[in-house]
Amino acid sequence: MTTPKQQLIAPMSGKTMDLATVPDPVFSEKLTGDGLAIVAESDTVVAPCDGVISLFFDTKHAFAITTDDGVQILVHVGLDTVIMNGEGITPLHQRGDQVKAGEPVLKLDLPLLQKRKINLISPLLIVNYETVRNLTATEPNQMVTGGTDTVLSYTK
C-alpha cells in the first residue's frame, strides 16, 4: 500500500533556494534537517502543515511543528535573527498550540529586520528526515506565495 504524498506549503512568500547554497553550514550540510530555504519577502510566517507547535525558541526566530504522523518540521526565520533576541518578531501562537496549514504563526517587522541587515534566508526543514521517503523540494529561484504554494513533498 502506498502512502499518499504529504505536502508542505511555503511558510512565507519569497524566492526558493537550494539548501546546499545557504551560507551557513548548519543548514547547507543538513545538520539540522533536509528541505529548502526561502528568502523571506512577506511579514507573516504561516504554518507549513497541520500539527502541534512542539518547539518555540525563546528568541522567536524558529519554531517546529510535529505532524500527526510524527514528522517534525522546522521553520527558521532568517539566518542571524537570533541576534535580535526576539525584537522584530511577534509570535501569534505558543508551544503546544494546534495549528492548521496556512495559519499565521509569526509576524515580522521587515523594515526593522532589513535596517539591522538581518539575512532573511529562511530554511524550512524536515528535522527527522530519515523517517520520510521521496523528499522533493521546489526548484531553486522560484517565487512562491506563503500559505499557498507547495514547496516540499514527501511520503511517510
C-alpha atoms as a PDB file:
ATOM      1  CA  MET A   1       0.000   0.000   0.000  1.00  0.00           C
ATOM      2  CA  THR A   2       1.447   3.377  -0.965  1.00  0.00           C
ATOM      3  CA  THR A   3       1.255   6.250   1.447  1.00  0.00           C
ATOM      4  CA  PRO A   4      -0.219   9.429  -0.014  1.00  0.00           C
ATOM      5  CA  LYS A   5       2.220  12.242  -0.659  1.00  0.00           C
ATOM      6  CA  GLN A   6       2.380  14.787   2.173  1.00  0.00           C
ATOM      7  CA  GLN A   7       2.818  18.408   1.189  1.00  0.00           C
ATOM      8  CA  LEU A   8       4.295  21.400   2.972  1.00  0.00           C
ATOM      9  CA  ILE A   9       3.309  24.882   1.894  1.00  0.00           C
ATOM     10  CA  ALA A  10       5.609  27.900   1.859  1.00  0.00           C
ATOM     11  CA  PRO A  11       5.677  29.453   5.348  1.00  0.00           C
ATOM     12  CA  MET A  12       6.353  32.862   3.753  1.00  0.00           C
ATOM     13  CA  SER A  13       6.454  34.488   0.343  1.00  0.00           C
ATOM     14  CA  GLY A  14       9.797  34.836  -1.417  1.00  0.00           C
ATOM     15  CA  LYS A  15      12.293  33.132  -3.688  1.00  0.00           C
ATOM     16  CA  THR A  16      13.273  29.487  -3.124  1.00  0.00           C
ATOM     17  CA  MET A  17      16.880  28.378  -2.604  1.00  0.00           C
ATOM     18  CA  ASP A  18      18.595  25.021  -2.636  1.00  0.00           C
ATOM     19  CA  LEU A  19      19.612  24.166   0.929  1.00  0.00           C
ATOM     20  CA  ALA A  20      23.171  23.383  -0.255  1.00  0.00           C
ATOM     21  CA  THR A  21      23.615  27.052  -1.274  1.00  0.00           C
ATOM     22  CA  VAL A  22      22.597  28.527   2.106  1.00  0.00           C
ATOM     23  CA  PRO A  23      25.650  30.391   3.511  1.00  0.00           C
ATOM     24  CA  ASP A  24      25.505  28.602   6.865  1.00  0.00           C
ATOM     25  CA  PRO A  25      26.993  25.097   7.215  1.00  0.00           C
ATOM     26  CA  VAL A  26      24.408  24.067   9.833  1.00  0.00           C
ATOM     27  CA  PHE A  27      21.804  24.256   7.057  1.00  0.00           C
ATOM     28  CA  SER A  28      23.820  23.655   3.871  1.00  0.00           C
ATOM     29  CA  GLU A  29      25.302  20.444   5.298  1.00  0.00           C
ATOM     30  CA  LYS A  30      21.852  19.330   6.523  1.00  0.00           C
ATOM     31  CA  LEU A  31      22.981  19.107  10.155  1.00  0.00           C
ATOM     32  CA  THR A  32      19.502  20.127  11.365  1.00  0.00           C
ATOM     33  CA  GLY A  33      17.390  18.544   8.641  1.00  0.00           C
ATOM     34  CA  ASP A  34      16.627  18.444   4.945  1.00  0.00           C
ATOM     35  CA  GLY A  35      14.393  20.699   2.891  1.00  0.00           C
ATOM     36  CA  LEU A  36      14.882  24.067   1.212  1.00  0.00           C
ATOM     37  CA  ALA A  37      15.160  27.754   2.043  1.00  0.00           C
ATOM     38  CA  ILE A  38      13.095  30.781   1.077  1.00  0.00           C
ATOM     39  CA  VAL A  39      14.380  34.362   1.018  1.00  0.00           C
ATOM     40  CA  ALA A  40      11.548  35.948   3.029  1.00  0.00           C
ATOM     41  CA  GLU A  41       9.718  38.839   1.430  1.00  0.00           C
ATOM     42  CA  SER A  42       6.493  38.798   3.458  1.00  0.00           C
ATOM     43  CA  ASP A  43       5.834  39.889   7.030  1.00  0.00           C
ATOM     44  CA  THR A  44       3.681  36.903   8.001  1.00  0.00           C
ATOM     45  CA  VAL A  45       5.053  33.421   8.683  1.00  0.00           C
ATOM     46  CA  VAL A  46       2.447  30.652   8.478  1.00  0.00           C
ATOM     47  CA  ALA A  47       2.333  27.010   9.484  1.00  0.00           C
ATOM     48  CA  PRO A  48       3.564  24.891   6.539  1.00  0.00           C
ATOM     49  CA  CYS A  49       1.350  21.972   7.632  1.00  0.00           C
ATOM     50  CA  ASP A  50      -1.214  20.828  10.182  1.00  0.00           C
ATOM     51  CA  GLY A  51       0.200  19.789  13.545  1.00  0.00           C
ATOM     52  CA  VAL A  52       1.211  20.864  17.028  1.00  0.00           C
ATOM     53  CA  ILE A  53       3.838  23.512  17.718  1.00  0.00           C
ATOM     54  CA  SER A  54       6.311  21.279  19.534  1.00  0.00           C
ATOM     55  CA  LEU A  55       9.156  23.771  19.873  1.00  0.00           C
ATOM     56  CA  PHE A  56       9.326  27.555  20.022  1.00  0.00           C
ATOM     57  CA  PHE A  57      12.694  29.216  20.501  1.00  0.00           C
ATOM     58  CA  ASP A  58      12.783  31.922  23.215  1.00  0.00           C
ATOM     59  CA  THR A  59      14.160  34.306  20.616  1.00  0.00           C
ATOM     60  CA  LYS A  60      11.039  33.609  18.498  1.00  0.00           C
ATOM     61  CA  HIS A  61      13.111  33.176  15.306  1.00  0.00           C
ATOM     62  CA  ALA A  62      12.276  29.489  14.840  1.00  0.00           C
ATOM     63  CA  PHE A  63       9.554  27.003  15.640  1.00  0.00           C
ATOM     64  CA  ALA A  64       8.852  23.345  14.964  1.00  0.00           C
ATOM     65  CA  ILE A  65       5.569  21.648  14.154  1.00  0.00           C
ATOM     66  CA  THR A  66       5.088  17.930  14.707  1.00  0.00           C
ATOM     67  CA  THR A  67       2.558  16.352  12.347  1.00  0.00           C
ATOM     68  CA  ASP A  68       0.072  13.662  13.382  1.00  0.00           C
ATOM     69  CA  ASP A  69       2.349  11.040  11.807  1.00  0.00           C
ATOM     70  CA  GLY A  70       5.394  12.200  13.815  1.00  0.00           C
ATOM     71  CA  VAL A  71       7.284  14.235  11.220  1.00  0.00           C
ATOM     72  CA  GLN A  72       8.976  17.282  12.757  1.00  0.00           C
ATOM     73  CA  ILE A  73       9.059  20.394  10.561  1.00  0.00           C
ATOM     74  CA  LEU A  74      11.324  23.326  11.481  1.00  0.00           C
ATOM     75  CA  VAL A  75      10.702  26.866  10.242  1.00  0.00           C
ATOM     76  CA  HIS A  76      13.782  29.025  10.836  1.00  0.00           C
ATOM     77  CA  VAL A  77      13.232  32.713  10.013  1.00  0.00           C
ATOM     78  CA  GLY A  78      16.436  34.296   8.720  1.00  0.00           C
ATOM     79  CA  LEU A  79      19.976  33.120   9.361  1.00  0.00           C
ATOM     80  CA  ASP A  80      21.078  35.596  12.023  1.00  0.00           C
ATOM     81  CA  THR A  81      17.730  36.611  13.534  1.00  0.00           C
ATOM     82  CA  VAL A  82      18.785  35.019  16.826  1.00  0.00           C
ATOM     83  CA  ILE A  83      20.917  38.150  17.498  1.00  0.00           C
ATOM     84  CA  MET A  84      17.691  40.216  17.537  1.00  0.00           C
ATOM     85  CA  ASN A  85      16.695  38.339  20.702  1.00  0.00           C
ATOM     86  CA  GLY A  86      13.047  38.346  19.645  1.00  0.00           C
ATOM     87  CA  GLU A  87      12.921  42.012  18.617  1.00  0.00           C
ATOM     88  CA  GLY A  88      11.030  42.499  15.373  1.00  0.00           C
ATOM     89  CA  ILE A  89       9.284  39.097  15.645  1.00  0.00           C
ATOM     90  CA  THR A  90       5.848  38.726  17.216  1.00  0.00           C
ATOM     91  CA  PRO A  91       4.602  35.208  17.989  1.00  0.00           C
ATOM     92  CA  LEU A  92       0.911  34.595  17.301  1.00  0.00           C
ATOM     93  CA  HIS A  93       0.996  31.113  18.868  1.00  0.00           C
ATOM     94  CA  GLN A  94       2.911  29.245  21.543  1.00  0.00           C
ATOM     95  CA  ARG A  95       4.292  25.800  22.172  1.00  0.00           C
ATOM     96  CA  GLY A  96       1.526  23.208  22.449  1.00  0.00           C
ATOM     97  CA  ASP A  97      -0.897  25.010  20.124  1.00  0.00           C
ATOM     98  CA  GLN A  98      -2.607  23.018  17.378  1.00  0.00           C
ATOM     99  CA  VAL A  99      -2.253  24.804  14.019  1.00  0.00           C
ATOM    100  CA  LYS A 100      -3.566  24.274  10.507  1.00  0.00           C
ATOM    101  CA  ALA A 101      -1.553  24.721   7.306  1.00  0.00           C
ATOM    102  CA  GLY A 102      -1.604  28.394   6.323  1.00  0.00           C
ATOM    103  CA  GLU A 103      -2.408  29.671   9.822  1.00  0.00           C
ATOM    104  CA  PRO A 104      -0.237  32.684  10.828  1.00  0.00           C
ATOM    105  CA  VAL A 105       2.362  31.797  13.486  1.00  0.00           C
ATOM    106  CA  LEU A 106       4.725  34.823  13.428  1.00  0.00           C
ATOM    107  CA  LYS A 107       4.500  38.459  12.375  1.00  0.00           C
ATOM    108  CA  LEU A 108       7.767  40.060  11.221  1.00  0.00           C
ATOM    109  CA  ASP A 109       8.787  43.709  11.358  1.00  0.00           C
ATOM    110  CA  LEU A 110      10.503  43.519   7.941  1.00  0.00           C
ATOM    111  CA  PRO A 111      11.658  47.186   7.872  1.00  0.00           C
ATOM    112  CA  LEU A 112      13.396  46.699  11.249  1.00  0.00           C
ATOM    113  CA  LEU A 113      14.987  43.377  10.223  1.00  0.00           C
ATOM    114  CA  GLN A 114      16.180  44.923   6.939  1.00  0.00           C
ATOM    115  CA  LYS A 115      17.512  48.019   8.729  1.00  0.00           C
ATOM    116  CA  ARG A 116      19.528  45.710  11.032  1.00  0.00           C
ATOM    117  CA  LYS A 117      20.797  43.887   7.901  1.00  0.00           C
ATOM    118  CA  ILE A 118      19.362  40.549   9.011  1.00  0.00           C
ATOM    119  CA  ASN A 119      19.823  37.865   6.347  1.00  0.00           C
ATOM    120  CA  LEU A 120      16.265  36.737   5.581  1.00  0.00           C
ATOM    121  CA  ILE A 121      17.190  33.360   4.058  1.00  0.00           C
ATOM    122  CA  SER A 122      14.723  31.140   5.926  1.00  0.00           C
ATOM    123  CA  PRO A 123      15.189  27.349   5.955  1.00  0.00           C
ATOM    124  CA  LEU A 124      12.169  25.027   6.012  1.00  0.00           C
ATOM    125  CA  LEU A 125      13.384  21.643   7.200  1.00  0.00           C
ATOM    126  CA  ILE A 126      12.202  18.162   7.991  1.00  0.00           C
ATOM    127  CA  VAL A 127      14.252  17.565  11.133  1.00  0.00           C
ATOM    128  CA  ASN A 128      13.743  13.790  11.300  1.00  0.00           C
ATOM    129  CA  TYR A 129      14.098  13.385   7.535  1.00  0.00           C
ATOM    130  CA  GLU A 130      15.275   9.783   7.937  1.00  0.00           C
ATOM    131  CA  THR A 131      11.603   8.948   8.711  1.00  0.00           C
ATOM    132  CA  VAL A 132      10.349  10.146   5.307  1.00  0.00           C
ATOM    133  CA  ARG A 133      10.916   8.996   1.738  1.00  0.00           C
ATOM    134  CA  ASN A 134      10.901  10.671  -1.662  1.00  0.00           C
ATOM    135  CA  LEU A 135      11.542  14.155  -0.274  1.00  0.00           C
ATOM    136  CA  THR A 136      11.095  16.606  -3.140  1.00  0.00           C
ATOM    137  CA  ALA A 137      11.708  20.349  -2.981  1.00  0.00           C
ATOM    138  CA  THR A 138      10.567  23.091  -5.340  1.00  0.00           C
ATOM    139  CA  GLU A 139      13.268  24.108  -7.831  1.00  0.00           C
ATOM    140  CA  PRO A 140      15.557  26.977  -6.708  1.00  0.00           C
ATOM    141  CA  ASN A 141      14.850  30.573  -7.805  1.00  0.00           C
ATOM    142  CA  GLN A 142      11.067  30.141  -7.901  1.00  0.00           C
ATOM    143  CA  MET A 143       8.847  32.858  -6.465  1.00  0.00           C
ATOM    144  CA  VAL A 144       6.419  31.245  -4.010  1.00  0.00           C
ATOM    145  CA  THR A 145       3.465  32.631  -2.094  1.00  0.00           C
ATOM    146  CA  GLY A 146       3.337  31.950   1.637  1.00  0.00           C
ATOM    147  CA  GLY A 147       0.336  29.926   2.717  1.00  0.00           C
ATOM    148  CA  THR A 148      -0.487  28.884  -0.854  1.00  0.00           C
ATOM    149  CA  ASP A 149       2.307  27.198  -2.814  1.00  0.00           C
ATOM    150  CA  THR A 150       3.555  23.681  -2.055  1.00  0.00           C
ATOM    151  CA  VAL A 151       7.358  23.759  -1.624  1.00  0.00           C
ATOM    152  CA  LEU A 152       8.165  20.322  -0.151  1.00  0.00           C
ATOM    153  CA  SER A 153       6.526  16.940  -0.550  1.00  0.00           C
ATOM    154  CA  TYR A 154       7.327  13.512   0.836  1.00  0.00           C
ATOM    155  CA  THR A 155       5.900  10.101   1.540  1.00  0.00           C
ATOM    156  CA  LYS A 156       5.970   8.556   5.004  1.00  0.00           C
END
